[in-house]
Every structure is written in C-alpha cells, then in structure tokens.
PDB file of all heavy atoms in Angstrom:
ATOM      1  N   MET A   1     130.345 192.967 100.008  1.00  0.00           N
ATOM      2  CA  MET A   1     131.651 192.307 100.478  1.00  0.00           C
ATOM      3  C   MET A   1     131.382 190.865 100.662  1.00  0.00           C
ATOM      4  O   MET A   1     130.426 190.446 101.331  1.00  0.00           O
ATOM      5  CB  MET A   1     132.152 193.012 101.749  1.00  0.00           C
ATOM      6  CG  MET A   1     133.494 192.524 102.186  1.00  0.00           C
ATOM      7  SD  MET A   1     134.171 193.646 103.432  1.00  0.00           S
ATOM      8  CE  MET A   1     135.188 192.478 104.296  1.00  0.00           C
ATOM      9  N   PRO A   2     132.378 190.038 100.154  1.00  0.00           N
ATOM     10  CA  PRO A   2     132.234 188.638 100.472  1.00  0.00           C
ATOM     11  C   PRO A   2     132.642 188.291 101.899  1.00  0.00           C
ATOM     12  O   PRO A   2     133.357 189.111 102.564  1.00  0.00           O
ATOM     13  CB  PRO A   2     133.433 188.022  99.490  1.00  0.00           C
ATOM     14  CG  PRO A   2     134.339 189.156  99.271  1.00  0.00           C
ATOM     15  CD  PRO A   2     133.509 190.341  99.292  1.00  0.00           C
ATOM     16  N   GLN A   3     132.089 187.263 102.399  1.00  0.00           N
ATOM     17  CA  GLN A   3     132.372 186.860 103.760  1.00  0.00           C
ATOM     18  C   GLN A   3     133.621 185.980 103.708  1.00  0.00           C
ATOM     19  O   GLN A   3     133.752 185.112 102.910  1.00  0.00           O
ATOM     20  CB  GLN A   3     131.232 185.970 104.292  1.00  0.00           C
ATOM     21  CG  GLN A   3     131.439 185.460 105.694  1.00  0.00           C
ATOM     22  CD  GLN A   3     130.204 184.737 106.194  1.00  0.00           C
ATOM     23  OE1 GLN A   3     129.106 185.256 106.004  1.00  0.00           O
ATOM     24  NE2 GLN A   3     130.379 183.665 106.936  1.00  0.00           N
ATOM     25  N   PHE A   4     134.583 186.268 104.560  1.00  0.00           N
ATOM     26  CA  PHE A   4     135.795 185.607 104.703  1.00  0.00           C
ATOM     27  C   PHE A   4     135.720 184.625 105.932  1.00  0.00           C
ATOM     28  O   PHE A   4     135.399 185.060 107.024  1.00  0.00           O
ATOM     29  CB  PHE A   4     137.067 186.518 104.790  1.00  0.00           C
ATOM     30  CG  PHE A   4     137.242 187.266 103.530  1.00  0.00           C
ATOM     31  CD1 PHE A   4     136.691 188.523 103.312  1.00  0.00           C
ATOM     32  CD2 PHE A   4     137.968 186.671 102.510  1.00  0.00           C
ATOM     33  CE1 PHE A   4     136.915 189.208 102.139  1.00  0.00           C
ATOM     34  CE2 PHE A   4     138.212 187.304 101.368  1.00  0.00           C
ATOM     35  CZ  PHE A   4     137.650 188.566 101.144  1.00  0.00           C
ATOM     36  N   ASN A   5     135.851 183.303 105.642  1.00  0.00           N
ATOM     37  CA  ASN A   5     135.577 182.281 106.584  1.00  0.00           C
ATOM     38  C   ASN A   5     136.768 181.702 107.228  1.00  0.00           C
ATOM     39  O   ASN A   5     137.814 181.569 106.665  1.00  0.00           O
ATOM     40  CB  ASN A   5     134.764 181.114 105.875  1.00  0.00           C
ATOM     41  CG  ASN A   5     133.383 181.714 105.322  1.00  0.00           C
ATOM     42  OD1 ASN A   5     132.599 182.018 106.103  1.00  0.00           O
ATOM     43  ND2 ASN A   5     133.313 181.744 103.984  1.00  0.00           N
ATOM     44  N   PRO A   6     136.615 181.265 108.446  1.00  0.00           N
ATOM     45  CA  PRO A   6     137.778 180.647 109.174  1.00  0.00           C
ATOM     46  C   PRO A   6     138.023 179.208 108.938  1.00  0.00           C
ATOM     47  O   PRO A   6     138.987 178.704 109.361  1.00  0.00           O
ATOM     48  CB  PRO A   6     137.307 180.844 110.714  1.00  0.00           C
ATOM     49  CG  PRO A   6     135.873 180.727 110.712  1.00  0.00           C
ATOM     50  CD  PRO A   6     135.507 181.478 109.375  1.00  0.00           C
ATOM     51  N   ASP A   7     137.117 178.590 108.209  1.00  0.00           N
ATOM     52  CA  ASP A   7     137.207 177.128 107.851  1.00  0.00           C
ATOM     53  C   ASP A   7     137.785 176.953 106.543  1.00  0.00           C
ATOM     54  O   ASP A   7     137.248 177.461 105.498  1.00  0.00           O
ATOM     55  CB  ASP A   7     135.874 176.495 107.920  1.00  0.00           C
ATOM     56  CG  ASP A   7     135.771 175.032 107.698  1.00  0.00           C
ATOM     57  OD1 ASP A   7     136.753 174.400 107.276  1.00  0.00           O
ATOM     58  OD2 ASP A   7     134.740 174.403 107.968  1.00  0.00           O
ATOM     59  N   PRO A   8     138.918 176.198 106.378  1.00  0.00           N
ATOM     60  CA  PRO A   8     139.565 176.090 105.048  1.00  0.00           C
ATOM     61  C   PRO A   8     138.724 175.250 104.022  1.00  0.00           C
ATOM     62  O   PRO A   8     138.938 175.383 102.817  1.00  0.00           O
ATOM     63  CB  PRO A   8     140.869 175.353 105.381  1.00  0.00           C
ATOM     64  CG  PRO A   8     140.780 174.793 106.781  1.00  0.00           C
ATOM     65  CD  PRO A   8     139.646 175.637 107.416  1.00  0.00           C
ATOM     66  N   ALA A   9     137.630 174.624 104.539  1.00  0.00           N
ATOM     67  CA  ALA A   9     136.755 173.892 103.676  1.00  0.00           C
ATOM     68  C   ALA A   9     135.728 174.831 102.980  1.00  0.00           C
ATOM     69  O   ALA A   9     135.012 174.458 102.071  1.00  0.00           O
ATOM     70  CB  ALA A   9     136.092 172.789 104.403  1.00  0.00           C
ATOM     71  N   GLN A  10     135.655 176.054 103.460  1.00  0.00           N
ATOM     72  CA  GLN A  10     134.714 177.033 103.039  1.00  0.00           C
ATOM     73  C   GLN A  10     135.265 177.895 101.988  1.00  0.00           C
ATOM     74  O   GLN A  10     136.535 178.131 101.944  1.00  0.00           O
ATOM     75  CB  GLN A  10     134.138 177.885 104.197  1.00  0.00           C
ATOM     76  CG  GLN A  10     133.241 177.089 105.170  1.00  0.00           C
ATOM     77  CD  GLN A  10     132.765 177.868 106.191  1.00  0.00           C
ATOM     78  OE1 GLN A  10     133.563 178.585 106.979  1.00  0.00           O
ATOM     79  NE2 GLN A  10     131.461 178.015 106.421  1.00  0.00           N
ATOM     80  N   THR A  11     134.424 178.562 101.068  1.00  0.00           N
ATOM     81  CA  THR A  11     135.001 179.493 100.156  1.00  0.00           C
ATOM     82  C   THR A  11     135.534 180.727 100.922  1.00  0.00           C
ATOM     83  O   THR A  11     135.061 181.024 102.047  1.00  0.00           O
ATOM     84  CB  THR A  11     133.816 179.947  99.135  1.00  0.00           C
ATOM     85  OG1 THR A  11     132.785 180.471  99.892  1.00  0.00           O
ATOM     86  CG2 THR A  11     133.395 178.788  98.330  1.00  0.00           C
ATOM     87  N   ASN A  12     136.368 181.438 100.268  1.00  0.00           N
ATOM     88  CA  ASN A  12     136.914 182.651 100.943  1.00  0.00           C
ATOM     89  C   ASN A  12     137.537 182.442 102.188  1.00  0.00           C
ATOM     90  O   ASN A  12     137.239 183.159 103.162  1.00  0.00           O
ATOM     91  CB  ASN A  12     135.865 183.803 100.954  1.00  0.00           C
ATOM     92  CG  ASN A  12     135.339 184.199  99.553  1.00  0.00           C
ATOM     93  OD1 ASN A  12     136.021 184.371  98.647  1.00  0.00           O
ATOM     94  ND2 ASN A  12     134.061 184.374  99.441  1.00  0.00           N
ATOM     95  N   TYR A  13     138.407 181.390 102.258  1.00  0.00           N
ATOM     96  CA  TYR A  13     139.052 181.121 103.550  1.00  0.00           C
ATOM     97  C   TYR A  13     140.076 182.153 103.884  1.00  0.00           C
ATOM     98  O   TYR A  13     140.935 182.637 103.027  1.00  0.00           O
ATOM     99  CB  TYR A  13     139.763 179.739 103.317  1.00  0.00           C
ATOM    100  CG  TYR A  13     140.706 179.401 104.475  1.00  0.00           C
ATOM    101  CD1 TYR A  13     140.236 179.266 105.760  1.00  0.00           C
ATOM    102  CD2 TYR A  13     142.051 179.077 104.216  1.00  0.00           C
ATOM    103  CE1 TYR A  13     141.024 178.937 106.738  1.00  0.00           C
ATOM    104  CE2 TYR A  13     142.966 178.745 105.279  1.00  0.00           C
ATOM    105  CZ  TYR A  13     142.341 178.658 106.554  1.00  0.00           C
ATOM    106  OH  TYR A  13     143.288 178.331 107.581  1.00  0.00           O
ATOM    107  N   MET A  14     139.970 182.552 105.086  1.00  0.00           N
ATOM    108  CA  MET A  14     141.000 183.454 105.755  1.00  0.00           C
ATOM    109  C   MET A  14     141.316 183.073 107.149  1.00  0.00           C
ATOM    110  O   MET A  14     140.434 182.994 108.039  1.00  0.00           O
ATOM    111  CB  MET A  14     140.418 185.024 105.830  1.00  0.00           C
ATOM    112  CG  MET A  14     141.452 185.974 106.485  1.00  0.00           C
ATOM    113  SD  MET A  14     140.776 187.605 106.684  1.00  0.00           S
ATOM    114  CE  MET A  14     140.748 188.204 105.043  1.00  0.00           C
ATOM    115  N   PRO A  15     142.562 182.512 107.318  1.00  0.00           N
ATOM    116  CA  PRO A  15     142.909 181.977 108.625  1.00  0.00           C
ATOM    117  C   PRO A  15     142.826 183.051 109.719  1.00  0.00           C
ATOM    118  O   PRO A  15     143.109 184.245 109.389  1.00  0.00           O
ATOM    119  CB  PRO A  15     144.235 181.346 108.443  1.00  0.00           C
ATOM    120  CG  PRO A  15     144.738 181.969 107.195  1.00  0.00           C
ATOM    121  CD  PRO A  15     143.607 182.432 106.369  1.00  0.00           C
ATOM    122  N   ASP A  16     142.544 182.731 110.939  1.00  0.00           N
ATOM    123  CA  ASP A  16     142.542 183.672 111.980  1.00  0.00           C
ATOM    124  C   ASP A  16     143.773 184.511 112.161  1.00  0.00           C
ATOM    125  O   ASP A  16     143.759 185.741 112.429  1.00  0.00           O
ATOM    126  CB  ASP A  16     142.210 183.041 113.373  1.00  0.00           C
ATOM    127  CG  ASP A  16     140.741 182.454 113.501  1.00  0.00           C
ATOM    128  OD1 ASP A  16     139.948 183.070 112.771  1.00  0.00           O
ATOM    129  OD2 ASP A  16     140.574 181.559 114.264  1.00  0.00           O
ATOM    130  N   ASP A  17     144.996 183.948 111.895  1.00  0.00           N
ATOM    131  CA  ASP A  17     146.186 184.826 111.989  1.00  0.00           C
ATOM    132  C   ASP A  17     146.248 185.796 110.933  1.00  0.00           C
ATOM    133  O   ASP A  17     146.678 186.998 111.229  1.00  0.00           O
ATOM    134  CB  ASP A  17     147.475 183.871 112.020  1.00  0.00           C
ATOM    135  CG  ASP A  17     147.654 183.056 110.725  1.00  0.00           C
ATOM    136  OD1 ASP A  17     146.665 182.671 110.070  1.00  0.00           O
ATOM    137  OD2 ASP A  17     148.835 182.833 110.375  1.00  0.00           O
ATOM    138  N   HIS A  18     145.724 185.548 109.791  1.00  0.00           N
ATOM    139  CA  HIS A  18     145.614 186.642 108.751  1.00  0.00           C
ATOM    140  C   HIS A  18     144.616 187.656 109.160  1.00  0.00           C
ATOM    141  O   HIS A  18     144.916 188.937 109.123  1.00  0.00           O
ATOM    142  CB  HIS A  18     145.229 186.029 107.337  1.00  0.00           C
ATOM    143  CG  HIS A  18     146.368 185.399 106.641  1.00  0.00           C
ATOM    144  ND1 HIS A  18     146.311 185.167 105.308  1.00  0.00           N
ATOM    145  CD2 HIS A  18     147.515 184.853 107.070  1.00  0.00           C
ATOM    146  CE1 HIS A  18     147.433 184.547 104.908  1.00  0.00           C
ATOM    147  NE2 HIS A  18     148.122 184.306 105.926  1.00  0.00           N
ATOM    148  N   LEU A  19     143.441 187.225 109.539  1.00  0.00           N
ATOM    149  CA  LEU A  19     142.478 188.194 110.036  1.00  0.00           C
ATOM    150  C   LEU A  19     142.955 189.086 111.141  1.00  0.00           C
ATOM    151  O   LEU A  19     142.848 190.343 111.037  1.00  0.00           O
ATOM    152  CB  LEU A  19     141.190 187.426 110.503  1.00  0.00           C
ATOM    153  CG  LEU A  19     140.129 188.240 111.154  1.00  0.00           C
ATOM    154  CD1 LEU A  19     139.495 189.181 110.184  1.00  0.00           C
ATOM    155  CD2 LEU A  19     139.119 187.429 111.820  1.00  0.00           C
ATOM    156  N   ASN A  20     143.522 188.508 112.180  1.00  0.00           N
ATOM    157  CA  ASN A  20     144.106 189.333 113.248  1.00  0.00           C
ATOM    158  C   ASN A  20     145.219 190.345 112.871  1.00  0.00           C
ATOM    159  O   ASN A  20     145.197 191.486 113.307  1.00  0.00           O
ATOM    160  CB  ASN A  20     144.568 188.374 114.398  1.00  0.00           C
ATOM    161  CG  ASN A  20     143.410 187.708 115.026  1.00  0.00           C
ATOM    162  OD1 ASN A  20     142.223 188.219 115.071  1.00  0.00           O
ATOM    163  ND2 ASN A  20     143.661 186.474 115.456  1.00  0.00           N
ATOM    164  N   ALA A  21     146.064 189.896 112.000  1.00  0.00           N
ATOM    165  CA  ALA A  21     147.154 190.692 111.478  1.00  0.00           C
ATOM    166  C   ALA A  21     146.531 191.870 110.616  1.00  0.00           C
ATOM    167  O   ALA A  21     147.006 193.026 110.770  1.00  0.00           O
ATOM    168  CB  ALA A  21     148.132 189.926 110.673  1.00  0.00           C
ATOM    169  N   ILE A  22     145.681 191.518 109.737  1.00  0.00           N
ATOM    170  CA  ILE A  22     144.915 192.571 108.905  1.00  0.00           C
ATOM    171  C   ILE A  22     144.292 193.626 109.853  1.00  0.00           C
ATOM    172  O   ILE A  22     144.474 194.835 109.620  1.00  0.00           O
ATOM    173  CB  ILE A  22     144.087 192.010 107.908  1.00  0.00           C
ATOM    174  CG1 ILE A  22     144.874 191.153 106.816  1.00  0.00           C
ATOM    175  CG2 ILE A  22     143.156 193.030 107.313  1.00  0.00           C
ATOM    176  CD1 ILE A  22     144.079 190.239 105.984  1.00  0.00           C
ATOM    177  N   VAL A  23     143.566 193.172 110.731  1.00  0.00           N
ATOM    178  CA  VAL A  23     142.874 194.110 111.670  1.00  0.00           C
ATOM    179  C   VAL A  23     143.818 194.954 112.432  1.00  0.00           C
ATOM    180  O   VAL A  23     143.605 196.252 112.451  1.00  0.00           O
ATOM    181  CB  VAL A  23     141.927 193.328 112.568  1.00  0.00           C
ATOM    182  CG1 VAL A  23     141.436 194.265 113.700  1.00  0.00           C
ATOM    183  CG2 VAL A  23     140.760 192.702 111.856  1.00  0.00           C
ATOM    184  N   GLN A  24     144.927 194.468 112.876  1.00  0.00           N
ATOM    185  CA  GLN A  24     145.914 195.258 113.688  1.00  0.00           C
ATOM    186  C   GLN A  24     146.465 196.358 112.746  1.00  0.00           C
ATOM    187  O   GLN A  24     146.687 197.412 113.116  1.00  0.00           O
ATOM    188  CB  GLN A  24     146.923 194.298 114.353  1.00  0.00           C
ATOM    189  CG  GLN A  24     146.390 193.520 115.461  1.00  0.00           C
ATOM    190  CD  GLN A  24     145.599 194.182 116.415  1.00  0.00           C
ATOM    191  OE1 GLN A  24     146.052 195.209 116.956  1.00  0.00           O
ATOM    192  NE2 GLN A  24     144.362 193.653 116.690  1.00  0.00           N
ATOM    193  N   TYR A  25     146.789 195.863 111.520  1.00  0.00           N
ATOM    194  CA  TYR A  25     147.361 196.868 110.541  1.00  0.00           C
ATOM    195  C   TYR A  25     146.265 197.933 110.263  1.00  0.00           C
ATOM    196  O   TYR A  25     146.614 199.124 110.304  1.00  0.00           O
ATOM    197  CB  TYR A  25     147.712 196.123 109.234  1.00  0.00           C
ATOM    198  CG  TYR A  25     147.934 197.150 108.114  1.00  0.00           C
ATOM    199  CD1 TYR A  25     149.032 197.920 108.103  1.00  0.00           C
ATOM    200  CD2 TYR A  25     147.069 197.096 107.064  1.00  0.00           C
ATOM    201  CE1 TYR A  25     149.308 198.779 107.014  1.00  0.00           C
ATOM    202  CE2 TYR A  25     147.205 197.949 105.967  1.00  0.00           C
ATOM    203  CZ  TYR A  25     148.327 198.834 105.950  1.00  0.00           C
ATOM    204  OH  TYR A  25     148.608 199.638 104.961  1.00  0.00           O
ATOM    205  N   LEU A  26     145.051 197.612 109.958  1.00  0.00           N
ATOM    206  CA  LEU A  26     144.044 198.571 109.646  1.00  0.00           C
ATOM    207  C   LEU A  26     143.830 199.591 110.827  1.00  0.00           C
ATOM    208  O   LEU A  26     143.619 200.783 110.565  1.00  0.00           O
ATOM    209  CB  LEU A  26     142.711 197.924 109.344  1.00  0.00           C
ATOM    210  CG  LEU A  26     142.732 197.216 108.031  1.00  0.00           C
ATOM    211  CD1 LEU A  26     141.397 196.446 107.851  1.00  0.00           C
ATOM    212  CD2 LEU A  26     143.016 198.071 106.806  1.00  0.00           C
ATOM    213  N   LEU A  27     143.914 199.115 112.012  1.00  0.00           N
ATOM    214  CA  LEU A  27     143.791 199.995 113.184  1.00  0.00           C
ATOM    215  C   LEU A  27     144.899 201.080 113.241  1.00  0.00           C
ATOM    216  O   LEU A  27     144.674 202.033 113.901  1.00  0.00           O
ATOM    217  CB  LEU A  27     143.774 199.178 114.379  1.00  0.00           C
ATOM    218  CG  LEU A  27     142.489 198.315 114.751  1.00  0.00           C
ATOM    219  CD1 LEU A  27     142.689 197.418 115.849  1.00  0.00           C
ATOM    220  CD2 LEU A  27     141.291 199.159 114.856  1.00  0.00           C
ATOM    221  N   THR A  28     145.921 200.921 112.582  1.00  0.00           N
ATOM    222  CA  THR A  28     147.063 201.823 112.658  1.00  0.00           C
ATOM    223  C   THR A  28     146.982 202.942 111.440  1.00  0.00           C
ATOM    224  O   THR A  28     147.748 203.865 111.446  1.00  0.00           O
ATOM    225  CB  THR A  28     148.482 201.234 112.459  1.00  0.00           C
ATOM    226  OG1 THR A  28     148.542 200.738 111.090  1.00  0.00           O
ATOM    227  CG2 THR A  28     148.711 200.097 113.540  1.00  0.00           C
ATOM    228  N   GLN A  29     146.002 202.754 110.551  1.00  0.00           N
ATOM    229  CA  GLN A  29     145.964 203.625 109.345  1.00  0.00           C
ATOM    230  C   GLN A  29     145.310 204.965 109.774  1.00  0.00           C
ATOM    231  O   GLN A  29     144.220 204.998 110.435  1.00  0.00           O
ATOM    232  CB  GLN A  29     145.192 202.890 108.211  1.00  0.00           C
ATOM    233  CG  GLN A  29     145.945 201.677 107.674  1.00  0.00           C
ATOM    234  CD  GLN A  29     147.435 202.037 107.492  1.00  0.00           C
ATOM    235  OE1 GLN A  29     147.743 202.744 106.634  1.00  0.00           O
ATOM    236  NE2 GLN A  29     148.282 201.473 108.304  1.00  0.00           N
ATOM    237  N   GLN A  30     145.948 206.025 109.311  1.00  0.00           N
ATOM    238  CA  GLN A  30     145.442 207.385 109.502  1.00  0.00           C
ATOM    239  C   GLN A  30     144.809 207.899 108.238  1.00  0.00           C
ATOM    240  O   GLN A  30     144.796 207.302 107.166  1.00  0.00           O
ATOM    241  CB  GLN A  30     146.610 208.253 109.808  1.00  0.00           C
ATOM    242  CG  GLN A  30     147.494 207.831 111.077  1.00  0.00           C
ATOM    243  CD  GLN A  30     146.649 207.768 112.260  1.00  0.00           C
ATOM    244  OE1 GLN A  30     145.912 208.703 112.598  1.00  0.00           O
ATOM    245  NE2 GLN A  30     146.668 206.669 113.044  1.00  0.00           N
TER     246      GLN A  30
END
C-alpha cells in the first residue's frame, strides 16, 4: 500500500479532511 501524505508537496497527498472523512465512512461498513 502506498503511503498517503498530509503535505501537498509530497507524493500521494491526502488532506486531513479527506483522511478523516474516509476513516469515519470505513468505520460504518458492515
């Protein structure tokens, strides 16, 4: 798995708001 980074200057940038939203969604999956 690639590392998703919080810094827009790094590869595979994922902002914290996306990360937090994705995690909250995944926590609801059955």
